[in-house]
Amino acid sequence: MGHPNGEVAMLVENNYQELEVWAPIYRLQEIGMTVRIVGPDATLYKSKLGYPAQADLSAREAAGKRFAAVIVPGGYAPDLMRTNRDLVDLVRSHVQSGAVVAAICHGSWLLASAGVIRGRNVTGASQIRDDLENAGAAYQDQAVVRDGNLITSRKPADLPQFCGAIVQALTERA
């Protein structure tokens, strides 16, 4: 185990949950990771409360890159993200390649749309439990669930455990 390095993709769309984007960004920057904000387009996105996040890369530009981790925040953004084929493909390819893929709250919707949770242990916002189970996942009501390279959490209050699990997974791979 060494010091993690490389780039992490933080996915964004309009109506993202502020804490679920910025807490992981700052935590990962704190340990020396480069965080690239990826949206459907390289443009400005606004959170549920209007807080801006400027995407560094469009999903299409990010498609050819290999990130150490891909993080999917919640809010209402994942409902929009899951309609973008490039974002869905980015998540699927990173799960399949063994990269760390982490989703919190409604972010787990994107994992369901990517078809990567069948037979996996996951959590997410309680409101999408049926969707996750219908996609073949075993839902667990826990602050953080790690199943191999997949890390999921339920809500903003779980951010300390969520961020800790991401850092731990990246450190194990360094």
N, C-alpha and C. Protein backbone atom coordinates (compact mmCIF):
# COMPACT_ATOMS: atom_id res chain seq x y z
N MET A 1 0.83 -1.19 0.00
CA MET A 1 0.00 0.00 0.00
C MET A 1 0.87 1.24 0.00
N GLY A 2 0.49 2.16 -0.86
CA GLY A 2 1.23 3.40 -0.92
C GLY A 2 0.30 4.58 -0.82
N HIS A 3 0.78 5.70 -1.35
CA HIS A 3 -0.03 6.92 -1.34
C HIS A 3 -0.82 6.95 -2.64
N PRO A 4 -2.15 7.12 -2.56
CA PRO A 4 -2.93 7.13 -3.80
C PRO A 4 -2.59 8.32 -4.67
N ASN A 5 -2.66 8.09 -5.98
CA ASN A 5 -2.44 9.19 -6.91
C ASN A 5 -3.30 8.96 -8.14
N GLY A 6 -3.31 9.94 -9.01
CA GLY A 6 -4.10 9.83 -10.22
C GLY A 6 -5.29 10.75 -10.19
N GLU A 7 -6.17 10.53 -11.16
CA GLU A 7 -7.34 11.38 -11.31
C GLU A 7 -8.61 10.65 -10.90
N VAL A 8 -9.52 11.41 -10.34
CA VAL A 8 -10.84 10.92 -9.96
C VAL A 8 -11.86 11.74 -10.74
N ALA A 9 -12.88 11.07 -11.24
CA ALA A 9 -13.98 11.77 -11.92
C ALA A 9 -15.13 11.94 -10.95
N MET A 10 -15.56 13.18 -10.75
CA MET A 10 -16.77 13.49 -9.98
C MET A 10 -17.83 13.86 -11.00
N LEU A 11 -18.89 13.07 -11.09
CA LEU A 11 -19.93 13.35 -12.06
C LEU A 11 -20.88 14.42 -11.53
N VAL A 12 -21.34 15.30 -12.42
CA VAL A 12 -22.31 16.32 -12.04
C VAL A 12 -23.39 16.46 -13.11
N GLU A 13 -24.51 16.97 -12.67
CA GLU A 13 -25.62 17.37 -13.52
C GLU A 13 -26.38 18.40 -12.70
N ASN A 14 -27.32 19.07 -13.32
CA ASN A 14 -28.12 20.04 -12.58
C ASN A 14 -28.88 19.36 -11.45
N ASN A 15 -29.10 20.11 -10.39
CA ASN A 15 -29.81 19.63 -9.20
C ASN A 15 -29.04 18.59 -8.40
N TYR A 16 -27.69 18.67 -8.47
CA TYR A 16 -26.88 17.78 -7.64
C TYR A 16 -26.97 18.19 -6.17
N GLN A 17 -26.67 17.25 -5.28
CA GLN A 17 -26.66 17.53 -3.84
C GLN A 17 -25.29 18.11 -3.49
N GLU A 18 -25.27 19.31 -2.96
CA GLU A 18 -24.03 20.06 -2.73
C GLU A 18 -22.98 19.28 -1.94
N LEU A 19 -23.35 18.82 -0.76
CA LEU A 19 -22.37 18.15 0.11
C LEU A 19 -21.81 16.89 -0.54
N GLU A 20 -22.65 16.20 -1.29
CA GLU A 20 -22.22 14.92 -1.89
C GLU A 20 -21.26 15.11 -3.06
N VAL A 21 -21.15 16.33 -3.56
CA VAL A 21 -20.13 16.65 -4.57
C VAL A 21 -18.89 17.22 -3.89
N TRP A 22 -19.08 18.24 -3.07
CA TRP A 22 -17.93 18.99 -2.58
C TRP A 22 -17.17 18.31 -1.45
N ALA A 23 -17.84 17.59 -0.56
CA ALA A 23 -17.11 16.91 0.52
C ALA A 23 -16.12 15.89 -0.05
N PRO A 24 -16.52 15.00 -0.97
CA PRO A 24 -15.54 14.08 -1.54
C PRO A 24 -14.45 14.79 -2.36
N ILE A 25 -14.80 15.84 -3.09
CA ILE A 25 -13.78 16.57 -3.86
C ILE A 25 -12.69 17.07 -2.91
N TYR A 26 -13.10 17.77 -1.85
CA TYR A 26 -12.11 18.33 -0.93
C TYR A 26 -11.34 17.26 -0.19
N ARG A 27 -12.00 16.17 0.17
CA ARG A 27 -11.31 15.07 0.88
C ARG A 27 -10.26 14.43 -0.02
N LEU A 28 -10.59 14.23 -1.28
CA LEU A 28 -9.64 13.60 -2.20
C LEU A 28 -8.51 14.56 -2.58
N GLN A 29 -8.81 15.84 -2.71
CA GLN A 29 -7.74 16.81 -2.96
C GLN A 29 -6.80 16.87 -1.78
N GLU A 30 -7.35 16.72 -0.59
CA GLU A 30 -6.55 16.75 0.63
C GLU A 30 -5.47 15.66 0.64
N ILE A 31 -5.75 14.52 0.02
CA ILE A 31 -4.76 13.43 -0.01
C ILE A 31 -3.95 13.41 -1.31
N GLY A 32 -4.10 14.48 -2.11
CA GLY A 32 -3.26 14.62 -3.30
C GLY A 32 -3.85 14.13 -4.61
N MET A 33 -5.10 13.74 -4.61
CA MET A 33 -5.73 13.29 -5.86
C MET A 33 -6.14 14.52 -6.69
N THR A 34 -6.14 14.35 -8.00
CA THR A 34 -6.67 15.36 -8.91
C THR A 34 -8.11 14.98 -9.21
N VAL A 35 -9.03 15.89 -8.95
CA VAL A 35 -10.45 15.60 -9.20
C VAL A 35 -10.90 16.37 -10.42
N ARG A 36 -11.42 15.64 -11.39
CA ARG A 36 -11.98 16.24 -12.61
C ARG A 36 -13.49 16.17 -12.50
N ILE A 37 -14.15 17.29 -12.68
CA ILE A 37 -15.61 17.32 -12.67
C ILE A 37 -16.09 17.03 -14.09
N VAL A 38 -16.94 16.01 -14.19
CA VAL A 38 -17.41 15.53 -15.50
C VAL A 38 -18.93 15.65 -15.56
N GLY A 39 -19.41 16.34 -16.57
CA GLY A 39 -20.85 16.46 -16.80
C GLY A 39 -21.18 16.02 -18.21
N PRO A 40 -22.45 16.01 -18.58
CA PRO A 40 -22.80 15.69 -19.95
C PRO A 40 -22.05 16.58 -20.94
N ASP A 41 -21.87 17.86 -20.57
CA ASP A 41 -21.10 18.81 -21.36
C ASP A 41 -20.15 19.54 -20.42
N ALA A 42 -19.09 20.13 -20.98
CA ALA A 42 -18.14 20.91 -20.18
C ALA A 42 -18.73 22.30 -19.98
N THR A 43 -19.69 22.38 -19.07
CA THR A 43 -20.41 23.63 -18.82
C THR A 43 -20.68 23.77 -17.33
N LEU A 44 -21.40 24.79 -16.96
CA LEU A 44 -21.71 25.05 -15.56
C LEU A 44 -23.01 24.34 -15.16
N TYR A 45 -22.95 23.66 -14.02
CA TYR A 45 -24.13 22.97 -13.48
C TYR A 45 -24.45 23.59 -12.13
N LYS A 46 -25.74 23.63 -11.79
CA LYS A 46 -26.15 24.20 -10.52
C LYS A 46 -26.77 23.13 -9.63
N SER A 47 -26.43 23.23 -8.35
CA SER A 47 -26.95 22.29 -7.37
C SER A 47 -28.42 22.58 -7.08
N LYS A 48 -29.00 21.77 -6.21
CA LYS A 48 -30.39 21.97 -5.80
C LYS A 48 -30.60 23.37 -5.23
N LEU A 49 -29.56 23.92 -4.59
CA LEU A 49 -29.65 25.25 -3.99
C LEU A 49 -28.97 26.33 -4.83
N GLY A 50 -28.55 25.97 -6.05
CA GLY A 50 -27.97 26.94 -6.96
C GLY A 50 -26.46 27.07 -6.91
N TYR A 51 -25.77 26.23 -6.12
CA TYR A 51 -24.31 26.32 -6.01
C TYR A 51 -23.67 25.80 -7.29
N PRO A 52 -22.78 26.57 -7.91
CA PRO A 52 -22.24 26.17 -9.22
C PRO A 52 -21.11 25.15 -9.15
N ALA A 53 -21.06 24.30 -10.17
CA ALA A 53 -19.95 23.37 -10.37
C ALA A 53 -19.63 23.42 -11.86
N GLN A 54 -18.42 23.80 -12.18
CA GLN A 54 -17.98 23.88 -13.58
C GLN A 54 -17.38 22.54 -13.99
N ALA A 55 -17.97 21.91 -14.98
CA ALA A 55 -17.42 20.64 -15.47
C ALA A 55 -16.14 20.91 -16.25
N ASP A 56 -15.08 20.17 -15.91
CA ASP A 56 -13.80 20.27 -16.62
C ASP A 56 -13.86 19.53 -17.95
N LEU A 57 -14.63 18.45 -17.96
CA LEU A 57 -14.70 17.57 -19.12
C LEU A 57 -16.14 17.21 -19.41
N SER A 58 -16.46 17.02 -20.68
CA SER A 58 -17.75 16.45 -21.04
C SER A 58 -17.64 14.93 -20.87
N ALA A 59 -18.76 14.28 -20.76
CA ALA A 59 -18.76 12.83 -20.64
C ALA A 59 -18.09 12.19 -21.86
N ARG A 60 -18.29 12.77 -23.02
CA ARG A 60 -17.67 12.24 -24.24
C ARG A 60 -16.14 12.38 -24.17
N GLU A 61 -15.65 13.54 -23.67
CA GLU A 61 -14.20 13.73 -23.52
C GLU A 61 -13.62 12.78 -22.48
N ALA A 62 -14.40 12.48 -21.45
CA ALA A 62 -13.94 11.60 -20.38
C ALA A 62 -13.95 10.13 -20.79
N ALA A 63 -14.70 9.81 -21.84
CA ALA A 63 -14.91 8.41 -22.23
C ALA A 63 -13.61 7.63 -22.45
N GLY A 64 -12.60 8.27 -23.01
CA GLY A 64 -11.35 7.57 -23.29
C GLY A 64 -10.36 7.57 -22.15
N LYS A 65 -10.70 8.23 -21.05
CA LYS A 65 -9.77 8.33 -19.93
C LYS A 65 -10.00 7.20 -18.94
N ARG A 66 -8.95 6.86 -18.22
CA ARG A 66 -9.03 5.87 -17.14
C ARG A 66 -8.82 6.62 -15.84
N PHE A 67 -9.83 6.64 -15.02
CA PHE A 67 -9.76 7.31 -13.73
C PHE A 67 -9.50 6.28 -12.63
N ALA A 68 -8.83 6.70 -11.57
CA ALA A 68 -8.62 5.83 -10.41
C ALA A 68 -9.96 5.54 -9.74
N ALA A 69 -10.88 6.52 -9.82
CA ALA A 69 -12.21 6.35 -9.25
C ALA A 69 -13.20 7.23 -9.99
N VAL A 70 -14.46 6.80 -9.97
CA VAL A 70 -15.57 7.59 -10.50
C VAL A 70 -16.57 7.71 -9.35
N ILE A 71 -16.99 8.94 -9.06
CA ILE A 71 -17.92 9.18 -7.95
C ILE A 71 -19.21 9.76 -8.50
N VAL A 72 -20.32 9.18 -8.04
CA VAL A 72 -21.65 9.62 -8.47
C VAL A 72 -22.39 10.19 -7.26
N PRO A 73 -22.62 11.51 -7.24
CA PRO A 73 -23.35 12.12 -6.13
C PRO A 73 -24.85 11.93 -6.30
N GLY A 74 -25.58 12.37 -5.29
CA GLY A 74 -27.04 12.28 -5.35
C GLY A 74 -27.70 13.60 -5.65
N GLY A 75 -28.85 13.79 -5.04
CA GLY A 75 -29.73 14.88 -5.39
C GLY A 75 -30.62 14.37 -6.51
N TYR A 76 -31.11 15.29 -7.33
CA TYR A 76 -31.93 14.88 -8.47
C TYR A 76 -31.08 14.67 -9.71
N ALA A 77 -29.80 15.01 -9.63
CA ALA A 77 -28.90 14.89 -10.77
C ALA A 77 -28.84 13.48 -11.37
N PRO A 78 -28.79 12.42 -10.56
CA PRO A 78 -28.67 11.09 -11.16
C PRO A 78 -29.83 10.71 -12.08
N ASP A 79 -31.01 11.28 -11.83
CA ASP A 79 -32.15 10.99 -12.70
C ASP A 79 -31.88 11.57 -14.10
N LEU A 80 -31.14 12.68 -14.17
CA LEU A 80 -30.74 13.26 -15.45
C LEU A 80 -29.52 12.52 -16.01
N MET A 81 -28.56 12.19 -15.15
CA MET A 81 -27.35 11.49 -15.59
C MET A 81 -27.66 10.18 -16.28
N ARG A 82 -28.66 9.47 -15.76
CA ARG A 82 -28.92 8.12 -16.29
C ARG A 82 -29.51 8.15 -17.69
N THR A 83 -29.89 9.34 -18.17
CA THR A 83 -30.38 9.45 -19.55
C THR A 83 -29.25 9.79 -20.51
N ASN A 84 -28.03 10.00 -19.98
CA ASN A 84 -26.88 10.34 -20.82
C ASN A 84 -26.06 9.08 -21.05
N ARG A 85 -26.08 8.56 -22.26
CA ARG A 85 -25.41 7.30 -22.60
C ARG A 85 -23.92 7.35 -22.27
N ASP A 86 -23.26 8.49 -22.50
CA ASP A 86 -21.82 8.59 -22.24
C ASP A 86 -21.51 8.45 -20.75
N LEU A 87 -22.34 9.06 -19.88
CA LEU A 87 -22.13 8.92 -18.44
C LEU A 87 -22.39 7.48 -17.98
N VAL A 88 -23.45 6.87 -18.50
CA VAL A 88 -23.76 5.48 -18.16
C VAL A 88 -22.60 4.57 -18.59
N ASP A 89 -22.09 4.78 -19.80
CA ASP A 89 -20.98 3.96 -20.30
C ASP A 89 -19.71 4.17 -19.49
N LEU A 90 -19.46 5.42 -19.07
CA LEU A 90 -18.28 5.73 -18.26
C LEU A 90 -18.32 4.94 -16.95
N VAL A 91 -19.48 4.95 -16.30
CA VAL A 91 -19.63 4.21 -15.05
C VAL A 91 -19.46 2.71 -15.30
N ARG A 92 -20.14 2.18 -16.31
CA ARG A 92 -20.06 0.74 -16.60
C ARG A 92 -18.62 0.30 -16.89
N SER A 93 -17.92 1.05 -17.73
CA SER A 93 -16.56 0.65 -18.10
C SER A 93 -15.62 0.68 -16.90
N HIS A 94 -15.82 1.63 -15.99
CA HIS A 94 -14.95 1.70 -14.81
C HIS A 94 -15.26 0.60 -13.81
N VAL A 95 -16.53 0.26 -13.64
CA VAL A 95 -16.85 -0.88 -12.77
C VAL A 95 -16.23 -2.14 -13.35
N GLN A 96 -16.41 -2.35 -14.65
CA GLN A 96 -15.91 -3.57 -15.29
C GLN A 96 -14.39 -3.65 -15.29
N SER A 97 -13.71 -2.50 -15.33
CA SER A 97 -12.24 -2.51 -15.34
C SER A 97 -11.65 -2.68 -13.94
N GLY A 98 -12.50 -2.62 -12.91
CA GLY A 98 -12.02 -2.79 -11.55
C GLY A 98 -11.67 -1.49 -10.85
N ALA A 99 -11.89 -0.35 -11.50
CA ALA A 99 -11.64 0.94 -10.85
C ALA A 99 -12.63 1.10 -9.69
N VAL A 100 -12.28 1.97 -8.77
CA VAL A 100 -13.19 2.27 -7.66
C VAL A 100 -14.35 3.10 -8.23
N VAL A 101 -15.57 2.65 -7.98
CA VAL A 101 -16.76 3.40 -8.39
C VAL A 101 -17.61 3.56 -7.14
N ALA A 102 -17.91 4.82 -6.80
CA ALA A 102 -18.63 5.12 -5.57
C ALA A 102 -19.86 5.97 -5.88
N ALA A 103 -20.98 5.60 -5.26
CA ALA A 103 -22.23 6.34 -5.46
C ALA A 103 -22.89 6.56 -4.12
N ILE A 104 -23.47 7.73 -3.95
CA ILE A 104 -24.14 8.06 -2.70
C ILE A 104 -25.56 8.55 -3.00
N CYS A 105 -26.47 8.18 -2.11
CA CYS A 105 -27.86 8.63 -2.16
C CYS A 105 -28.53 8.15 -3.46
N HIS A 106 -29.10 9.07 -4.24
CA HIS A 106 -29.74 8.70 -5.50
C HIS A 106 -28.72 8.37 -6.59
N GLY A 107 -27.43 8.55 -6.30
CA GLY A 107 -26.38 8.20 -7.26
C GLY A 107 -26.40 6.73 -7.64
N SER A 108 -26.89 5.89 -6.74
CA SER A 108 -26.95 4.45 -7.03
C SER A 108 -27.89 4.15 -8.20
N TRP A 109 -28.80 5.07 -8.52
CA TRP A 109 -29.64 4.93 -9.71
C TRP A 109 -28.79 4.74 -10.96
N LEU A 110 -27.68 5.49 -11.05
CA LEU A 110 -26.82 5.41 -12.22
C LEU A 110 -26.17 4.03 -12.31
N LEU A 111 -25.87 3.43 -11.16
CA LEU A 111 -25.32 2.07 -11.15
C LEU A 111 -26.35 1.08 -11.69
N ALA A 112 -27.62 1.29 -11.32
CA ALA A 112 -28.69 0.42 -11.83
C ALA A 112 -28.80 0.57 -13.34
N SER A 113 -28.78 1.81 -13.82
CA SER A 113 -28.90 2.05 -15.26
C SER A 113 -27.71 1.49 -16.03
N ALA A 114 -26.55 1.46 -15.40
CA ALA A 114 -25.34 0.91 -16.04
C ALA A 114 -25.33 -0.62 -16.03
N GLY A 115 -26.27 -1.22 -15.31
CA GLY A 115 -26.37 -2.68 -15.29
C GLY A 115 -25.22 -3.36 -14.57
N VAL A 116 -24.71 -2.72 -13.50
CA VAL A 116 -23.51 -3.25 -12.84
C VAL A 116 -23.74 -3.71 -11.41
N ILE A 117 -25.01 -3.79 -10.96
CA ILE A 117 -25.24 -4.14 -9.56
C ILE A 117 -25.92 -5.49 -9.35
N ARG A 118 -26.23 -6.20 -10.42
CA ARG A 118 -26.83 -7.53 -10.27
C ARG A 118 -25.91 -8.42 -9.44
N GLY A 119 -26.45 -8.95 -8.34
CA GLY A 119 -25.66 -9.84 -7.48
C GLY A 119 -24.70 -9.12 -6.55
N ARG A 120 -24.74 -7.80 -6.52
CA ARG A 120 -23.82 -7.03 -5.68
C ARG A 120 -24.56 -6.49 -4.46
N ASN A 121 -23.82 -6.25 -3.39
CA ASN A 121 -24.34 -5.62 -2.17
C ASN A 121 -24.20 -4.12 -2.33
N VAL A 122 -25.32 -3.39 -2.19
CA VAL A 122 -25.29 -1.94 -2.34
C VAL A 122 -26.24 -1.29 -1.34
N THR A 123 -26.10 0.02 -1.23
CA THR A 123 -27.08 0.83 -0.53
C THR A 123 -27.31 2.09 -1.34
N GLY A 124 -28.22 2.90 -0.88
CA GLY A 124 -28.55 4.14 -1.56
C GLY A 124 -29.70 4.78 -0.80
N ALA A 125 -30.22 5.87 -1.33
CA ALA A 125 -31.37 6.52 -0.71
C ALA A 125 -32.49 5.50 -0.56
N SER A 126 -33.17 5.52 0.59
CA SER A 126 -34.23 4.53 0.83
C SER A 126 -35.32 4.61 -0.24
N GLN A 127 -35.52 5.77 -0.83
CA GLN A 127 -36.55 5.95 -1.85
C GLN A 127 -36.29 5.14 -3.11
N ILE A 128 -35.03 4.74 -3.36
CA ILE A 128 -34.72 3.98 -4.58
C ILE A 128 -34.40 2.52 -4.28
N ARG A 129 -34.70 2.08 -3.07
CA ARG A 129 -34.43 0.68 -2.70
C ARG A 129 -35.07 -0.29 -3.70
N ASP A 130 -36.34 -0.06 -4.05
CA ASP A 130 -37.02 -0.95 -5.00
C ASP A 130 -36.29 -1.00 -6.34
N ASP A 131 -35.83 0.16 -6.81
CA ASP A 131 -35.12 0.22 -8.10
C ASP A 131 -33.83 -0.59 -8.04
N LEU A 132 -33.11 -0.48 -6.93
CA LEU A 132 -31.85 -1.21 -6.78
C LEU A 132 -32.10 -2.71 -6.71
N GLU A 133 -33.10 -3.11 -5.95
CA GLU A 133 -33.43 -4.53 -5.84
C GLU A 133 -33.94 -5.07 -7.17
N ASN A 134 -34.74 -4.28 -7.88
CA ASN A 134 -35.24 -4.72 -9.19
C ASN A 134 -34.12 -4.83 -10.22
N ALA A 135 -33.02 -4.13 -9.98
CA ALA A 135 -31.84 -4.23 -10.85
C ALA A 135 -30.94 -5.40 -10.43
N GLY A 136 -31.38 -6.15 -9.40
CA GLY A 136 -30.66 -7.36 -9.02
C GLY A 136 -29.71 -7.23 -7.85
N ALA A 137 -29.70 -6.07 -7.20
CA ALA A 137 -28.79 -5.85 -6.08
C ALA A 137 -29.39 -6.35 -4.78
N ALA A 138 -28.51 -6.64 -3.83
CA ALA A 138 -28.92 -6.94 -2.46
C ALA A 138 -28.77 -5.64 -1.67
N TYR A 139 -29.90 -5.01 -1.33
CA TYR A 139 -29.89 -3.72 -0.65
C TYR A 139 -29.57 -3.91 0.82
N GLN A 140 -28.66 -3.08 1.34
CA GLN A 140 -28.31 -3.10 2.76
C GLN A 140 -28.46 -1.69 3.31
N ASP A 141 -29.21 -1.55 4.39
CA ASP A 141 -29.43 -0.25 5.00
C ASP A 141 -28.28 0.05 5.97
N GLN A 142 -27.14 0.47 5.40
CA GLN A 142 -25.94 0.78 6.18
C GLN A 142 -25.34 2.08 5.67
N ALA A 143 -24.55 2.73 6.52
CA ALA A 143 -23.93 4.01 6.15
C ALA A 143 -23.05 3.87 4.91
N VAL A 144 -22.32 2.79 4.83
CA VAL A 144 -21.49 2.53 3.64
C VAL A 144 -21.46 1.03 3.41
N VAL A 145 -21.54 0.66 2.14
CA VAL A 145 -21.44 -0.74 1.74
C VAL A 145 -20.35 -0.83 0.69
N ARG A 146 -19.37 -1.67 0.96
CA ARG A 146 -18.31 -1.88 -0.03
C ARG A 146 -18.39 -3.32 -0.51
N ASP A 147 -18.52 -3.49 -1.81
CA ASP A 147 -18.54 -4.79 -2.45
C ASP A 147 -17.49 -4.75 -3.54
N GLY A 148 -16.28 -5.20 -3.21
CA GLY A 148 -15.17 -5.13 -4.15
C GLY A 148 -14.84 -3.68 -4.48
N ASN A 149 -14.90 -3.34 -5.77
CA ASN A 149 -14.55 -1.98 -6.20
C ASN A 149 -15.74 -1.03 -6.14
N LEU A 150 -16.90 -1.52 -5.69
CA LEU A 150 -18.12 -0.72 -5.62
C LEU A 150 -18.36 -0.24 -4.19
N ILE A 151 -18.52 1.08 -4.02
CA ILE A 151 -18.76 1.69 -2.71
C ILE A 151 -20.05 2.50 -2.81
N THR A 152 -20.98 2.26 -1.89
CA THR A 152 -22.24 3.01 -1.91
C THR A 152 -22.60 3.49 -0.51
N SER A 153 -23.31 4.63 -0.46
CA SER A 153 -23.80 5.19 0.79
C SER A 153 -25.21 5.72 0.57
N ARG A 154 -25.88 6.07 1.71
CA ARG A 154 -27.30 6.40 1.66
C ARG A 154 -27.64 7.87 1.55
N LYS A 155 -26.89 8.74 2.28
CA LYS A 155 -27.33 10.14 2.44
C LYS A 155 -26.16 11.01 2.90
N PRO A 156 -26.34 12.33 2.91
CA PRO A 156 -25.25 13.23 3.30
C PRO A 156 -24.64 12.90 4.67
N ALA A 157 -25.46 12.46 5.63
CA ALA A 157 -24.93 12.14 6.96
C ALA A 157 -23.92 10.99 6.92
N ASP A 158 -23.91 10.22 5.82
CA ASP A 158 -22.97 9.10 5.67
C ASP A 158 -21.65 9.53 5.01
N LEU A 159 -21.50 10.81 4.69
CA LEU A 159 -20.30 11.26 3.98
C LEU A 159 -18.98 10.93 4.68
N PRO A 160 -18.86 11.00 6.01
CA PRO A 160 -17.58 10.61 6.62
C PRO A 160 -17.20 9.16 6.30
N GLN A 161 -18.15 8.24 6.39
CA GLN A 161 -17.89 6.84 6.09
C GLN A 161 -17.66 6.63 4.59
N PHE A 162 -18.44 7.33 3.77
CA PHE A 162 -18.32 7.24 2.32
C PHE A 162 -16.94 7.70 1.86
N CYS A 163 -16.54 8.89 2.28
CA CYS A 163 -15.23 9.42 1.90
C CYS A 163 -14.10 8.54 2.44
N GLY A 164 -14.26 8.06 3.67
CA GLY A 164 -13.25 7.18 4.26
C GLY A 164 -13.08 5.90 3.47
N ALA A 165 -14.18 5.32 3.02
CA ALA A 165 -14.12 4.07 2.24
C ALA A 165 -13.45 4.30 0.89
N ILE A 166 -13.72 5.46 0.27
CA ILE A 166 -13.08 5.77 -1.02
C ILE A 166 -11.58 5.92 -0.83
N VAL A 167 -11.17 6.68 0.18
CA VAL A 167 -9.74 6.87 0.46
C VAL A 167 -9.07 5.51 0.74
N GLN A 168 -9.72 4.68 1.56
CA GLN A 168 -9.16 3.38 1.86
C GLN A 168 -9.00 2.52 0.61
N ALA A 169 -10.01 2.49 -0.24
CA ALA A 169 -9.95 1.69 -1.46
C ALA A 169 -8.84 2.19 -2.38
N LEU A 170 -8.70 3.51 -2.52
CA LEU A 170 -7.63 4.06 -3.35
C LEU A 170 -6.25 3.78 -2.78
N THR A 171 -6.13 3.85 -1.46
CA THR A 171 -4.86 3.58 -0.79
C THR A 171 -4.44 2.12 -0.97
N GLU A 172 -5.39 1.22 -0.90
CA GLU A 172 -5.10 -0.22 -1.09
C GLU A 172 -4.56 -0.50 -2.48
N ARG A 173 -4.98 0.30 -3.45
CA ARG A 173 -4.57 0.08 -4.84
C ARG A 173 -3.27 0.79 -5.20
N ALA A 174 -2.83 1.69 -4.32
CA ALA A 174 -1.62 2.50 -4.63
C ALA A 174 -0.35 1.68 -4.52
